[in-house]
Each structure stands twice: as structure tokens, then as C-alpha cells.
Amino acid sequence: MSTLSILLQTEQNPTSFWIMMGALMVVFYFFMIRPQQKKAKDAKKFRESIQKGAKVVTIGGIHGKVVEVSDKTVLLEVDSNVKLRFEKSALAMDSSMQLNETTAKG
């Protein structure tokens, strides 16, 4: 069947058009919206579970060790005697998690 014949059939039967649109919405939800919500939920869970001594990576690519954790910020030691304060939202993931993902891909 060509695309033209499918379009001509939907003009004859508007119910099939709405069924096709509904199916398109379901596919869009399962392949686009749901995975994004799961990823955001996992990131939130990670940020809430950060503890002192954890090795993390910021979204800017800075690797560091958590020295202090407060409600909205963390203090990272990025080098000896070099400490930087970041918002928790700026943390991407645990560096050990990142290493596991790259070795799994390669």
C-alpha cells in the first residue's frame, strides 16, 4: 500500500483516522516521553543520594570528590586544596557509573 492509498482510505472513514492518531500518540509516549521521565527520575534519585566521599562528574565535565553536602549544594575537591561549590543540579553522575557505561559500550 502506498501512502496515498492510506490517506485516501482515511478520508473515507474518519474513525480510522482517529484510531491512527491515537496509535501515533501511544507510540510517541512510549518512545519519547516515558524514557525521558525515567531518566529525570533516576537523576533526581542520584542527586538525593549523594554522600561525602563519592566521586562525581559535573555537567561541565569536572571530576571531583564530594567533601560536604548541604540541601542544595555540594562542595567538591577537584585537586589537592582546590574546592569548588556546585548546585546539586549541576552533577551529572557518579564517575564510577560513567566508567561502567563507557566500558560496556566499548
PDB file of N, CA and C in Angstrom:
ATOM      1  N   MET A   1       0.838  -1.190   0.000  1.00  0.00           N
ATOM      2  CA  MET A   1       0.000   0.000   0.000  1.00  0.00           C
ATOM      3  C   MET A   1       0.877   1.245   0.000  1.00  0.00           C
ATOM      4  N   SER A   2       0.491   2.164  -0.793  1.00  0.00           N
ATOM      5  CA  SER A   2       1.236   3.410  -0.818  1.00  0.00           C
ATOM      6  C   SER A   2       0.640   4.383   0.186  1.00  0.00           C
ATOM      7  N   THR A   3       1.383   5.420   0.469  1.00  0.00           N
ATOM      8  CA  THR A   3       0.931   6.438   1.420  1.00  0.00           C
ATOM      9  C   THR A   3      -0.333   7.118   0.913  1.00  0.00           C
ATOM     10  N   LEU A   4      -0.410   7.318  -0.371  1.00  0.00           N
ATOM     11  CA  LEU A   4      -1.577   7.965  -0.953  1.00  0.00           C
ATOM     12  C   LEU A   4      -2.839   7.137  -0.733  1.00  0.00           C
ATOM     13  N   SER A   5      -2.719   5.823  -0.910  1.00  0.00           N
ATOM     14  CA  SER A   5      -3.908   4.982  -0.731  1.00  0.00           C
ATOM     15  C   SER A   5      -4.344   4.959   0.736  1.00  0.00           C
ATOM     16  N   ILE A   6      -3.378   5.025   1.675  1.00  0.00           N
ATOM     17  CA  ILE A   6      -3.725   5.080   3.096  1.00  0.00           C
ATOM     18  C   ILE A   6      -4.441   6.392   3.406  1.00  0.00           C
ATOM     19  N   LEU A   7      -3.949   7.486   2.857  1.00  0.00           N
ATOM     20  CA  LEU A   7      -4.584   8.781   3.077  1.00  0.00           C
ATOM     21  C   LEU A   7      -5.986   8.824   2.474  1.00  0.00           C
ATOM     22  N   LEU A   8      -6.156   8.219   1.314  1.00  0.00           N
ATOM     23  CA  LEU A   8      -7.482   8.201   0.691  1.00  0.00           C
ATOM     24  C   LEU A   8      -8.455   7.359   1.517  1.00  0.00           C
ATOM     25  N   GLN A   9      -7.975   6.289   2.126  1.00  0.00           N
ATOM     26  CA  GLN A   9      -8.840   5.466   2.959  1.00  0.00           C
ATOM     27  C   GLN A   9      -9.267   6.217   4.214  1.00  0.00           C
ATOM     28  N   THR A  10      -8.378   7.022   4.792  1.00  0.00           N
ATOM     29  CA  THR A  10      -8.732   7.767   5.997  1.00  0.00           C
ATOM     30  C   THR A  10      -9.747   8.857   5.686  1.00  0.00           C
ATOM     31  N   GLU A  11      -9.741   9.364   4.462  1.00  0.00           N
ATOM     32  CA  GLU A  11     -10.738  10.369   4.098  1.00  0.00           C
ATOM     33  C   GLU A  11     -12.126   9.727   4.009  1.00  0.00           C
ATOM     34  N   GLN A  12     -12.179   8.483   3.607  1.00  0.00           N
ATOM     35  CA  GLN A  12     -13.461   7.798   3.501  1.00  0.00           C
ATOM     36  C   GLN A  12     -13.998   7.395   4.868  1.00  0.00           C
ATOM     37  N   ASN A  13     -13.103   7.065   5.815  1.00  0.00           N
ATOM     38  CA  ASN A  13     -13.528   6.593   7.123  1.00  0.00           C
ATOM     39  C   ASN A  13     -12.813   7.413   8.204  1.00  0.00           C
ATOM     40  N   PRO A  14     -13.462   8.437   8.754  1.00  0.00           N
ATOM     41  CA  PRO A  14     -12.802   9.276   9.752  1.00  0.00           C
ATOM     42  C   PRO A  14     -12.458   8.537  11.042  1.00  0.00           C
ATOM     43  N   THR A  15     -13.140   7.456  11.333  1.00  0.00           N
ATOM     44  CA  THR A  15     -12.840   6.687  12.542  1.00  0.00           C
ATOM     45  C   THR A  15     -11.440   6.097  12.467  1.00  0.00           C
ATOM     46  N   SER A  16     -11.048   5.593  11.322  1.00  0.00           N
ATOM     47  CA  SER A  16      -9.709   5.019  11.185  1.00  0.00           C
ATOM     48  C   SER A  16      -8.631   6.097  11.339  1.00  0.00           C
ATOM     49  N   PHE A  17      -8.954   7.311  10.929  1.00  0.00           N
ATOM     50  CA  PHE A  17      -8.017   8.417  11.110  1.00  0.00           C
ATOM     51  C   PHE A  17      -7.750   8.646  12.595  1.00  0.00           C
ATOM     52  N   TRP A  18      -8.808   8.664  13.402  1.00  0.00           N
ATOM     53  CA  TRP A  18      -8.636   8.901  14.843  1.00  0.00           C
ATOM     54  C   TRP A  18      -7.949   7.728  15.525  1.00  0.00           C
ATOM     55  N   ILE A  19      -8.200   6.529  15.045  1.00  0.00           N
ATOM     56  CA  ILE A  19      -7.501   5.358  15.587  1.00  0.00           C
ATOM     57  C   ILE A  19      -6.008   5.452  15.274  1.00  0.00           C
ATOM     58  N   MET A  20      -5.682   5.861  14.056  1.00  0.00           N
ATOM     59  CA  MET A  20      -4.283   6.015  13.662  1.00  0.00           C
ATOM     60  C   MET A  20      -3.605   7.120  14.473  1.00  0.00           C
ATOM     61  N   MET A  21      -4.308   8.222  14.703  1.00  0.00           N
ATOM     62  CA  MET A  21      -3.746   9.313  15.511  1.00  0.00           C
ATOM     63  C   MET A  21      -3.523   8.862  16.953  1.00  0.00           C
ATOM     64  N   GLY A  22      -4.475   8.091  17.499  1.00  0.00           N
ATOM     65  CA  GLY A  22      -4.323   7.556  18.854  1.00  0.00           C
ATOM     66  C   GLY A  22      -3.136   6.618  18.951  1.00  0.00           C
ATOM     67  N   ALA A  23      -2.951   5.766  17.958  1.00  0.00           N
ATOM     68  CA  ALA A  23      -1.807   4.850  17.936  1.00  0.00           C
ATOM     69  C   ALA A  23      -0.500   5.629  17.854  1.00  0.00           C
ATOM     70  N   LEU A  24      -0.504   6.700  17.071  1.00  0.00           N
ATOM     71  CA  LEU A  24       0.679   7.544  16.968  1.00  0.00           C
ATOM     72  C   LEU A  24       1.019   8.189  18.307  1.00  0.00           C
ATOM     73  N   MET A  25       0.011   8.628  19.040  1.00  0.00           N
ATOM     74  CA  MET A  25       0.235   9.221  20.363  1.00  0.00           C
ATOM     75  C   MET A  25       0.792   8.194  21.346  1.00  0.00           C
ATOM     76  N   VAL A  26       0.287   6.976  21.295  1.00  0.00           N
ATOM     77  CA  VAL A  26       0.781   5.911  22.181  1.00  0.00           C
ATOM     78  C   VAL A  26       2.248   5.612  21.881  1.00  0.00           C
ATOM     79  N   VAL A  27       2.580   5.496  20.612  1.00  0.00           N
ATOM     80  CA  VAL A  27       3.971   5.243  20.226  1.00  0.00           C
ATOM     81  C   VAL A  27       4.855   6.403  20.667  1.00  0.00           C
ATOM     82  N   PHE A  28       4.399   7.616  20.471  1.00  0.00           N
ATOM     83  CA  PHE A  28       5.156   8.797  20.871  1.00  0.00           C
ATOM     84  C   PHE A  28       5.410   8.785  22.376  1.00  0.00           C
ATOM     85  N   TYR A  29       4.395   8.404  23.158  1.00  0.00           N
ATOM     86  CA  TYR A  29       4.540   8.356  24.609  1.00  0.00           C
ATOM     87  C   TYR A  29       5.588   7.323  25.022  1.00  0.00           C
ATOM     88  N   PHE A  30       5.496   6.109  24.482  1.00  0.00           N
ATOM     89  CA  PHE A  30       6.399   5.041  24.915  1.00  0.00           C
ATOM     90  C   PHE A  30       7.823   5.203  24.424  1.00  0.00           C
ATOM     91  N   PHE A  31       8.035   5.889  23.306  1.00  0.00           N
ATOM     92  CA  PHE A  31       9.384   6.042  22.792  1.00  0.00           C
ATOM     93  C   PHE A  31      10.024   7.392  23.101  1.00  0.00           C
ATOM     94  N   MET A  32       9.250   8.393  23.502  1.00  0.00           N
ATOM     95  CA  MET A  32       9.823   9.715  23.747  1.00  0.00           C
ATOM     96  C   MET A  32       9.605  10.195  25.182  1.00  0.00           C
ATOM     97  N   ILE A  33       8.389  10.233  25.634  1.00  0.00           N
ATOM     98  CA  ILE A  33       8.067  10.852  26.918  1.00  0.00           C
ATOM     99  C   ILE A  33       8.457   9.957  28.087  1.00  0.00           C
ATOM    100  N   ARG A  34       8.067   8.707  28.052  1.00  0.00           N
ATOM    101  CA  ARG A  34       8.323   7.802  29.183  1.00  0.00           C
ATOM    102  C   ARG A  34       9.813   7.615  29.471  1.00  0.00           C
ATOM    103  N   PRO A  35      10.680   7.378  28.472  1.00  0.00           N
ATOM    104  CA  PRO A  35      12.115   7.245  28.781  1.00  0.00           C
ATOM    105  C   PRO A  35      12.710   8.529  29.370  1.00  0.00           C
ATOM    106  N   GLN A  36      12.234   9.681  28.911  1.00  0.00           N
ATOM    107  CA  GLN A  36      12.734  10.947  29.446  1.00  0.00           C
ATOM    108  C   GLN A  36      12.331  11.120  30.906  1.00  0.00           C
ATOM    109  N   GLN A  37      11.098  10.724  31.251  1.00  0.00           N
ATOM    110  CA  GLN A  37      10.656  10.807  32.645  1.00  0.00           C
ATOM    111  C   GLN A  37      11.465   9.866  33.531  1.00  0.00           C
ATOM    112  N   LYS A  38      11.777   8.679  33.032  1.00  0.00           N
ATOM    113  CA  LYS A  38      12.565   7.716  33.800  1.00  0.00           C
ATOM    114  C   LYS A  38      13.975   8.247  34.032  1.00  0.00           C
ATOM    115  N   LYS A  39      14.561   8.846  33.022  1.00  0.00           N
ATOM    116  CA  LYS A  39      15.908   9.402  33.147  1.00  0.00           C
ATOM    117  C   LYS A  39      15.924  10.543  34.168  1.00  0.00           C
ATOM    118  N   ALA A  40      14.925  11.400  34.143  1.00  0.00           N
ATOM    119  CA  ALA A  40      14.842  12.506  35.103  1.00  0.00           C
ATOM    120  C   ALA A  40      14.649  11.981  36.527  1.00  0.00           C
ATOM    121  N   LYS A  41      13.861  10.936  36.667  1.00  0.00           N
ATOM    122  CA  LYS A  41      13.632  10.336  37.983  1.00  0.00           C
ATOM    123  C   LYS A  41      14.921   9.721  38.526  1.00  0.00           C
ATOM    124  N   ASP A  42      15.677   9.033  37.679  1.00  0.00           N
ATOM    125  CA  ASP A  42      16.945   8.441  38.095  1.00  0.00           C
ATOM    126  C   ASP A  42      17.963   9.514  38.486  1.00  0.00           C
ATOM    127  N   ALA A  43      18.006  10.622  37.739  1.00  0.00           N
ATOM    128  CA  ALA A  43      18.928  11.716  38.053  1.00  0.00           C
ATOM    129  C   ALA A  43      18.574  12.350  39.397  1.00  0.00           C
ATOM    130  N   LYS A  44      17.286  12.533  39.646  1.00  0.00           N
ATOM    131  CA  LYS A  44      16.849  13.106  40.926  1.00  0.00           C
ATOM    132  C   LYS A  44      17.218  12.182  42.080  1.00  0.00           C
ATOM    133  N   LYS A  45      16.996  10.893  41.884  1.00  0.00           N
ATOM    134  CA  LYS A  45      17.330   9.913  42.913  1.00  0.00           C
ATOM    135  C   LYS A  45      18.842   9.922  43.195  1.00  0.00           C
ATOM    136  N   PHE A  46      19.650  10.018  42.147  1.00  0.00           N
ATOM    137  CA  PHE A  46      21.105  10.076  42.315  1.00  0.00           C
ATOM    138  C   PHE A  46      21.513  11.312  43.111  1.00  0.00           C
ATOM    139  N   ARG A  47      20.957  12.460  42.757  1.00  0.00           N
ATOM    140  CA  ARG A  47      21.334  13.709  43.432  1.00  0.00           C
ATOM    141  C   ARG A  47      20.931  13.708  44.896  1.00  0.00           C
ATOM    142  N   GLU A  48      19.825  13.050  45.212  1.00  0.00           N
ATOM    143  CA  GLU A  48      19.390  12.983  46.606  1.00  0.00           C
ATOM    144  C   GLU A  48      20.232  12.010  47.424  1.00  0.00           C
ATOM    145  N   SER A  49      20.869  11.045  46.768  1.00  0.00           N
ATOM    146  CA  SER A  49      21.626  10.029  47.483  1.00  0.00           C
ATOM    147  C   SER A  49      23.126  10.320  47.563  1.00  0.00           C
ATOM    148  N   ILE A  50      23.555  11.492  47.136  1.00  0.00           N
ATOM    149  CA  ILE A  50      24.978  11.835  47.164  1.00  0.00           C
ATOM    150  C   ILE A  50      25.456  11.918  48.610  1.00  0.00           C
ATOM    151  N   GLN A  51      26.599  11.283  48.860  1.00  0.00           N
ATOM    152  CA  GLN A  51      27.175  11.284  50.196  1.00  0.00           C
ATOM    153  C   GLN A  51      28.620  11.756  50.140  1.00  0.00           C
ATOM    154  N   LYS A  52      29.117  12.126  51.285  1.00  0.00           N
ATOM    155  CA  LYS A  52      30.502  12.566  51.415  1.00  0.00           C
ATOM    156  C   LYS A  52      31.433  11.428  50.985  1.00  0.00           C
ATOM    157  N   GLY A  53      32.443  11.766  50.189  1.00  0.00           N
ATOM    158  CA  GLY A  53      33.411  10.785  49.714  1.00  0.00           C
ATOM    159  C   GLY A  53      33.102  10.214  48.345  1.00  0.00           C
ATOM    160  N   ALA A  54      31.928  10.481  47.813  1.00  0.00           N
ATOM    161  CA  ALA A  54      31.552   9.962  46.489  1.00  0.00           C
ATOM    162  C   ALA A  54      32.300  10.716  45.396  1.00  0.00           C
ATOM    163  N   LYS A  55      32.669  10.017  44.356  1.00  0.00           N
ATOM    164  CA  LYS A  55      33.309  10.643  43.197  1.00  0.00           C
ATOM    165  C   LYS A  55      32.224  10.945  42.187  1.00  0.00           C
ATOM    166  N   VAL A  56      32.171  12.195  41.741  1.00  0.00           N
ATOM    167  CA  VAL A  56      31.121  12.631  40.833  1.00  0.00           C
ATOM    168  C   VAL A  56      31.706  13.410  39.665  1.00  0.00           C
ATOM    169  N   VAL A  57      30.867  13.615  38.667  1.00  0.00           N
ATOM    170  CA  VAL A  57      31.210  14.412  37.489  1.00  0.00           C
ATOM    171  C   VAL A  57      30.128  15.464  37.326  1.00  0.00           C
ATOM    172  N   THR A  58      30.507  16.709  37.075  1.00  0.00           N
ATOM    173  CA  THR A  58      29.522  17.761  36.844  1.00  0.00           C
ATOM    174  C   THR A  58      29.087  17.738  35.389  1.00  0.00           C
ATOM    175  N   ILE A  59      28.014  18.461  35.088  1.00  0.00           N
ATOM    176  CA  ILE A  59      27.556  18.516  33.697  1.00  0.00           C
ATOM    177  C   ILE A  59      28.560  19.249  32.812  1.00  0.00           C
ATOM    178  N   GLY A  60      29.463  20.006  33.447  1.00  0.00           N
ATOM    179  CA  GLY A  60      30.521  20.686  32.708  1.00  0.00           C
ATOM    180  C   GLY A  60      31.745  19.815  32.490  1.00  0.00           C
ATOM    181  N   GLY A  61      31.750  18.612  33.099  1.00  0.00           N
ATOM    182  CA  GLY A  61      32.852  17.687  32.892  1.00  0.00           C
ATOM    183  C   GLY A  61      33.922  17.727  33.973  1.00  0.00           C
ATOM    184  N   ILE A  62      33.688  18.420  35.063  1.00  0.00           N
ATOM    185  CA  ILE A  62      34.666  18.495  36.142  1.00  0.00           C
ATOM    186  C   ILE A  62      34.499  17.283  37.049  1.00  0.00           C
ATOM    187  N   HIS A  63      35.590  16.552  37.252  1.00  0.00           N
ATOM    188  CA  HIS A  63      35.590  15.385  38.127  1.00  0.00           C
ATOM    189  C   HIS A  63      36.035  15.814  39.506  1.00  0.00           C
ATOM    190  N   GLY A  64      35.380  15.297  40.526  1.00  0.00           N
ATOM    191  CA  GLY A  64      35.769  15.651  41.880  1.00  0.00           C
ATOM    192  C   GLY A  64      35.225  14.682  42.905  1.00  0.00           C
ATOM    193  N   LYS A  65      35.683  14.877  44.131  1.00  0.00           N
ATOM    194  CA  LYS A  65      35.266  14.059  45.265  1.00  0.00           C
ATOM    195  C   LYS A  65      34.437  14.932  46.196  1.00  0.00           C
ATOM    196  N   VAL A  66      33.287  14.440  46.626  1.00  0.00           N
ATOM    197  CA  VAL A  66      32.385  15.209  47.481  1.00  0.00           C
ATOM    198  C   VAL A  66      33.006  15.336  48.873  1.00  0.00           C
ATOM    199  N   VAL A  67      33.142  16.587  49.334  1.00  0.00           N
ATOM    200  CA  VAL A  67      33.699  16.871  50.653  1.00  0.00           C
ATOM    201  C   VAL A  67      32.592  17.229  51.632  1.00  0.00           C
ATOM    202  N   GLU A  68      31.576  17.937  51.139  1.00  0.00           N
ATOM    203  CA  GLU A  68      30.492  18.405  52.002  1.00  0.00           C
ATOM    204  C   GLU A  68      29.201  18.418  51.200  1.00  0.00           C
ATOM    205  N   VAL A  69      28.105  18.029  51.849  1.00  0.00           N
ATOM    206  CA  VAL A  69      26.790  18.018  51.199  1.00  0.00           C
ATOM    207  C   VAL A  69      25.834  18.858  52.023  1.00  0.00           C
ATOM    208  N   SER A  70      25.155  19.808  51.373  1.00  0.00           N
ATOM    209  CA  SER A  70      24.096  20.574  52.037  1.00  0.00           C
ATOM    210  C   SER A  70      22.796  20.334  51.272  1.00  0.00           C
ATOM    211  N   ASP A  71      21.760  21.088  51.596  1.00  0.00           N
ATOM    212  CA  ASP A  71      20.453  20.860  50.964  1.00  0.00           C
ATOM    213  C   ASP A  71      20.487  21.008  49.448  1.00  0.00           C
ATOM    214  N   LYS A  72      21.071  22.105  48.966  1.00  0.00           N
ATOM    215  CA  LYS A  72      21.038  22.378  47.523  1.00  0.00           C
ATOM    216  C   LYS A  72      22.402  22.389  46.869  1.00  0.00           C
ATOM    217  N   THR A  73      23.476  22.349  47.660  1.00  0.00           N
ATOM    218  CA  THR A  73      24.821  22.437  47.093  1.00  0.00           C
ATOM    219  C   THR A  73      25.711  21.311  47.602  1.00  0.00           C
ATOM    220  N   VAL A  74      26.811  21.103  46.882  1.00  0.00           N
ATOM    221  CA  VAL A  74      27.855  20.172  47.314  1.00  0.00           C
ATOM    222  C   VAL A  74      29.198  20.871  47.148  1.00  0.00           C
ATOM    223  N   LEU A  75      30.135  20.524  48.008  1.00  0.00           N
ATOM    224  CA  LEU A  75      31.492  21.048  47.920  1.00  0.00           C
ATOM    225  C   LEU A  75      32.358  19.925  47.383  1.00  0.00           C
ATOM    226  N   LEU A  76      32.993  20.164  46.224  1.00  0.00           N
ATOM    227  CA  LEU A  76      33.822  19.155  45.576  1.00  0.00           C
ATOM    228  C   LEU A  76      35.287  19.520  45.704  1.00  0.00           C
ATOM    229  N   GLU A  77      36.102  18.521  45.982  1.00  0.00           N
ATOM    230  CA  GLU A  77      37.555  18.701  45.955  1.00  0.00           C
ATOM    231  C   GLU A  77      38.009  18.196  44.595  1.00  0.00           C
ATOM    232  N   VAL A  78      38.494  19.116  43.751  1.00  0.00           N
ATOM    233  CA  VAL A  78      38.868  18.756  42.393  1.00  0.00           C
ATOM    234  C   VAL A  78      40.370  18.525  42.256  1.00  0.00           C
ATOM    235  N   ASP A  79      41.146  19.034  43.213  1.00  0.00           N
ATOM    236  CA  ASP A  79      42.590  18.836  43.268  1.00  0.00           C
ATOM    237  C   ASP A  79      42.995  19.032  44.720  1.00  0.00           C
ATOM    238  N   SER A  80      44.227  18.773  45.052  1.00  0.00           N
ATOM    239  CA  SER A  80      44.627  18.967  46.441  1.00  0.00           C
ATOM    240  C   SER A  80      44.498  20.448  46.794  1.00  0.00           C
ATOM    241  N   ASN A  81      43.744  20.717  47.859  1.00  0.00           N
ATOM    242  CA  ASN A  81      43.466  22.071  48.356  1.00  0.00           C
ATOM    243  C   ASN A  81      42.710  22.953  47.370  1.00  0.00           C
ATOM    244  N   VAL A  82      42.030  22.375  46.416  1.00  0.00           N
ATOM    245  CA  VAL A  82      41.177  23.132  45.493  1.00  0.00           C
ATOM    246  C   VAL A  82      39.749  22.601  45.654  1.00  0.00           C
ATOM    247  N   LYS A  83      38.877  23.433  46.210  1.00  0.00           N
ATOM    248  CA  LYS A  83      37.497  23.028  46.453  1.00  0.00           C
ATOM    249  C   LYS A  83      36.551  23.990  45.745  1.00  0.00           C
ATOM    250  N   LEU A  84      35.541  23.433  45.126  1.00  0.00           N
ATOM    251  CA  LEU A  84      34.549  24.230  44.401  1.00  0.00           C
ATOM    252  C   LEU A  84      33.162  23.841  44.885  1.00  0.00           C
ATOM    253  N   ARG A  85      32.273  24.824  45.001  1.00  0.00           N
ATOM    254  CA  ARG A  85      30.903  24.572  45.426  1.00  0.00           C
ATOM    255  C   ARG A  85      30.001  24.573  44.183  1.00  0.00           C
ATOM    256  N   PHE A  86      29.171  23.537  44.063  1.00  0.00           N
ATOM    257  CA  PHE A  86      28.264  23.388  42.929  1.00  0.00           C
ATOM    258  C   PHE A  86      26.850  23.153  43.437  1.00  0.00           C
ATOM    259  N   GLU A  87      25.874  23.556  42.629  1.00  0.00           N
ATOM    260  CA  GLU A  87      24.490  23.180  42.876  1.00  0.00           C
ATOM    261  C   GLU A  87      24.375  21.677  42.622  1.00  0.00           C
ATOM    262  N   LYS A  88      23.502  21.018  43.354  1.00  0.00           N
ATOM    263  CA  LYS A  88      23.312  19.582  43.127  1.00  0.00           C
ATOM    264  C   LYS A  88      22.810  19.312  41.712  1.00  0.00           C
ATOM    265  N   SER A  89      22.073  20.238  41.159  1.00  0.00           N
ATOM    266  CA  SER A  89      21.545  20.058  39.805  1.00  0.00           C
ATOM    267  C   SER A  89      22.652  20.057  38.746  1.00  0.00           C
ATOM    268  N   ALA A  90      23.861  20.508  39.118  1.00  0.00           N
ATOM    269  CA  ALA A  90      24.977  20.536  38.179  1.00  0.00           C
ATOM    270  C   ALA A  90      25.739  19.216  38.146  1.00  0.00           C
ATOM    271  N   LEU A  91      25.347  18.258  38.978  1.00  0.00           N
ATOM    272  CA  LEU A  91      26.027  16.972  38.995  1.00  0.00           C
ATOM    273  C   LEU A  91      25.371  16.033  37.994  1.00  0.00           C
ATOM    274  N   ALA A  92      26.213  15.421  37.180  1.00  0.00           N
ATOM    275  CA  ALA A  92      25.694  14.552  36.133  1.00  0.00           C
ATOM    276  C   ALA A  92      25.526  13.125  36.624  1.00  0.00           C
ATOM    277  N   MET A  93      26.583  12.539  37.166  1.00  0.00           N
ATOM    278  CA  MET A  93      26.507  11.141  37.606  1.00  0.00           C
ATOM    279  C   MET A  93      27.729  10.798  38.417  1.00  0.00           C
ATOM    280  N   ASP A  94      27.680   9.641  39.032  1.00  0.00           N
ATOM    281  CA  ASP A  94      28.819   9.099  39.747  1.00  0.00           C
ATOM    282  C   ASP A  94      29.872   8.713  38.709  1.00  0.00           C
ATOM    283  N   SER A  95      31.126   9.052  38.933  1.00  0.00           N
ATOM    284  CA  SER A  95      32.153   8.761  37.933  1.00  0.00           C
ATOM    285  C   SER A  95      32.338   7.268  37.739  1.00  0.00           C
ATOM    286  N   SER A  96      32.111   6.453  38.771  1.00  0.00           N
ATOM    287  CA  SER A  96      32.208   5.004  38.589  1.00  0.00           C
ATOM    288  C   SER A  96      31.088   4.513  37.678  1.00  0.00           C
ATOM    289  N   MET A  97      29.898   5.151  37.746  1.00  0.00           N
ATOM    290  CA  MET A  97      28.802   4.792  36.853  1.00  0.00           C
ATOM    291  C   MET A  97      29.170   5.140  35.418  1.00  0.00           C
ATOM    292  N   GLN A  98      29.821   6.282  35.238  1.00  0.00           N
ATOM    293  CA  GLN A  98      30.213   6.711  33.901  1.00  0.00           C
ATOM    294  C   GLN A  98      31.258   5.752  33.329  1.00  0.00           C
ATOM    295  N   LEU A  99      32.197   5.315  34.149  1.00  0.00           N
ATOM    296  CA  LEU A  99      33.207   4.373  33.677  1.00  0.00           C
ATOM    297  C   LEU A  99      32.566   3.050  33.280  1.00  0.00           C
ATOM    298  N   ASN A 100      31.584   2.598  34.028  1.00  0.00           N
ATOM    299  CA  ASN A 100      30.907   1.342  33.701  1.00  0.00           C
ATOM    300  C   ASN A 100      30.156   1.454  32.378  1.00  0.00           C
ATOM    301  N   GLU A 101      29.541   2.618  32.123  1.00  0.00           N
ATOM    302  CA  GLU A 101      28.803   2.799  30.868  1.00  0.00           C
ATOM    303  C   GLU A 101      29.738   2.821  29.669  1.00  0.00           C
ATOM    304  N   THR A 102      30.894   3.482  29.799  1.00  0.00           N
ATOM    305  CA  THR A 102      31.816   3.568  28.661  1.00  0.00           C
ATOM    306  C   THR A 102      32.461   2.228  28.379  1.00  0.00           C
ATOM    307  N   THR A 103      32.769   1.429  29.413  1.00  0.00           N
ATOM    308  CA  THR A 103      33.362   0.121  29.168  1.00  0.00           C
ATOM    309  C   THR A 103      32.323  -0.841  28.599  1.00  0.00           C
ATOM    310  N   ALA A 104      31.070  -0.683  28.946  1.00  0.00           N
ATOM    311  CA  ALA A 104      30.018  -1.546  28.409  1.00  0.00           C
ATOM    312  C   ALA A 104      29.809  -1.269  26.919  1.00  0.00           C
ATOM    313  N   LYS A 105      29.944  -0.007  26.515  1.00  0.00           N
ATOM    314  CA  LYS A 105      29.752   0.354  25.100  1.00  0.00           C
ATOM    315  C   LYS A 105      30.950  -0.090  24.248  1.00  0.00           C
ATOM    316  N   GLY A 106      32.141  -0.001  24.796  1.00  0.00           N
ATOM    317  CA  GLY A 106      33.349  -0.252  24.015  1.00  0.00           C
ATOM    318  C   GLY A 106      33.769  -1.616  24.057  1.00  0.00           C
TER     319      GLY A 106
END
